[in-house]
Protein backbone atom coordinates (compact mmCIF):
# COMPACT_ATOMS: atom_id res chain seq x y z
CA MET A 1 97.55 90.95 109.57
CA THR A 2 100.87 90.57 110.58
CA PRO A 3 103.18 87.55 108.66
CA PRO A 4 104.75 85.40 112.18
CA ASP A 5 108.46 86.46 110.40
CA TRP A 6 107.80 90.44 110.48
CA SER A 7 106.77 93.65 113.19
CA PRO A 8 108.46 96.99 113.21
CA VAL A 9 111.34 96.85 115.71
CA SER A 10 110.46 99.57 118.66
CA VAL A 11 111.28 102.57 119.06
CA LYS A 12 110.87 106.54 120.82
CA ILE A 13 108.65 108.32 118.05
CA LYS A 14 106.10 106.32 115.95
CA THR A 15 103.95 108.17 113.31
CA GLY A 16 100.04 107.23 113.20
CA TRP A 17 100.27 105.70 110.15
CA ALA A 18 102.66 103.15 111.14
CA LYS A 19 100.03 100.95 113.11
CA ASP A 20 98.33 100.71 109.54
CA ILE A 21 101.00 99.25 107.74
CA ASP A 22 100.44 95.54 105.59
CA PRO A 23 103.45 93.93 105.54
CA GLN A 24 101.82 92.06 102.47
CA TYR A 25 101.29 94.89 100.27
CA PRO A 26 103.46 98.91 101.76
CA LEU A 27 102.62 101.10 100.27
CA PRO A 28 101.09 99.38 97.23
CA GLU A 29 100.13 102.73 95.06
CA TYR A 30 102.65 103.05 91.79
CA PRO A 31 105.99 105.37 93.05
CA ARG A 32 106.11 107.91 90.35
CA PRO A 33 102.08 109.11 89.20
CA GLN A 34 103.43 111.33 86.93
CA LEU A 35 105.06 108.24 85.04
CA VAL A 36 101.60 105.24 85.52
CA ARG A 37 102.46 102.40 83.64
CA ALA A 38 99.86 100.57 83.18
CA ASP A 39 101.16 97.68 83.59
CA TRP A 40 103.58 97.56 86.13
CA MET A 41 104.50 94.94 89.44
CA ASN A 42 105.02 96.27 92.98
CA LEU A 43 108.29 94.85 94.75
CA ASN A 44 107.04 96.25 97.95
CA GLY A 45 107.29 94.04 100.87
CA LEU A 46 109.11 90.92 102.95
CA TRP A 47 112.87 90.86 101.38
CA GLU A 48 115.57 88.27 103.05
CA TYR A 49 118.31 90.28 104.11
CA ALA A 50 121.86 90.21 105.32
CA VAL A 51 124.59 92.33 106.38
CA LEU A 52 127.25 91.05 106.06
CA ALA A 53 131.36 93.20 105.77
CA SER A 54 131.89 95.25 102.82
CA GLU A 55 135.18 92.88 100.92
CA GLN A 56 132.60 89.90 102.11
CA GLU A 57 130.49 88.32 98.60
CA ILE A 58 127.14 87.12 98.18
CA PRO A 59 126.32 85.53 101.30
CA LEU A 60 125.90 81.49 101.74
CA GLN A 61 123.55 82.57 104.33
CA TYR A 62 119.52 85.42 105.03
CA GLN A 63 119.74 86.83 108.86
CA GLY A 64 116.40 86.97 108.60
CA LYS A 65 113.14 89.39 106.81
CA ILE A 66 113.29 92.74 106.45
CA LEU A 67 110.16 95.22 104.38
CA VAL A 68 110.99 96.74 101.97
CA PRO A 69 110.91 99.59 100.92
CA PHE A 70 112.14 101.13 104.46
CA ALA A 71 115.13 101.38 105.47
CA VAL A 72 116.91 98.96 107.36
CA GLU A 73 117.39 101.50 110.49
CA SER A 74 114.00 101.89 110.66
CA SER A 75 111.24 100.52 112.90
CA LEU A 76 109.33 99.60 110.46
CA SER A 77 111.50 97.48 108.33
CA GLY A 78 111.71 95.11 110.76
CA VAL A 79 115.07 95.74 111.88
CA GLY A 80 115.97 98.49 112.97
CA LYS A 81 120.09 98.66 112.44
CA PRO A 82 122.44 101.01 111.81
CA LEU A 83 124.09 99.44 108.89
CA LEU A 84 128.51 100.55 109.56
CA PRO A 85 129.89 102.21 106.34
CA THR A 86 131.88 99.25 107.24
CA GLU A 87 129.62 97.24 105.63
CA ARG A 88 127.35 96.22 103.04
CA LEU A 89 122.98 95.27 102.67
CA TRP A 90 121.92 92.48 100.55
CA TYR A 91 118.45 91.91 99.44
CA ARG A 92 117.04 88.71 97.83
CA ARG A 93 114.41 88.14 96.85
CA THR A 94 112.38 85.29 94.33
CA PHE A 95 108.90 86.74 91.54
CA GLU A 96 107.21 85.97 88.37
CA ILE A 97 106.81 88.16 86.00
CA PRO A 98 103.18 88.14 84.79
CA LEU A 99 103.17 85.39 81.66
CA GLU A 100 101.88 87.85 79.28
CA TRP A 101 104.92 90.22 80.34
CA LYS A 102 106.33 87.15 77.98
CA SER A 103 107.60 89.06 75.12
CA ARG A 104 108.09 92.87 75.90
CA ARG A 105 110.62 94.68 77.61
CA ILE A 106 110.71 94.04 80.93
CA VAL A 107 112.07 97.30 83.09
CA TYR A 108 113.73 96.81 86.79
CA LEU A 109 113.80 99.96 88.82
CA ALA A 110 116.16 99.37 91.75
CA ASN A 111 116.04 102.77 93.61
CA GLY A 112 117.53 103.92 96.66
CA LEU A 113 120.58 102.41 96.50
CA ALA A 114 123.83 103.57 97.19
CA ARG A 115 125.93 100.29 95.31
CA ALA A 116 126.33 97.77 92.75
CA VAL A 117 122.87 95.83 92.45
CA THR A 118 123.44 92.40 91.42
CA ARG A 119 120.70 90.17 89.46
CA SER A 120 120.17 86.96 88.79
CA LEU A 121 117.32 86.12 86.17
CA TYR A 122 116.54 82.57 85.86
CA GLN A 123 114.32 80.74 82.95
């Protein structure tokens, strides 16, 4: 099932597995089987993205949807554009932490990021 705001970008080379990607649940398996936790949340899926000049601050608007965990340059990201050294890629997504986790310590892991991560938590 393909949401209306995402589709793979046309490329010359695509693996046989590309057709099996579900944009609502891409790569749903636990990322590190040797460190499995009983309770965890997979944040892979469609996020908003914006590409801005490196010196620009937080975007006022986003340019579209990107399928995480795929690189912005890849077909499966839905973007398929190179990120220049003078640019910064911004991601945004909202999600709810389950109520049963309220008294627990929450660890947010954002792998593959080359620069600073800014997070906002709203109660």
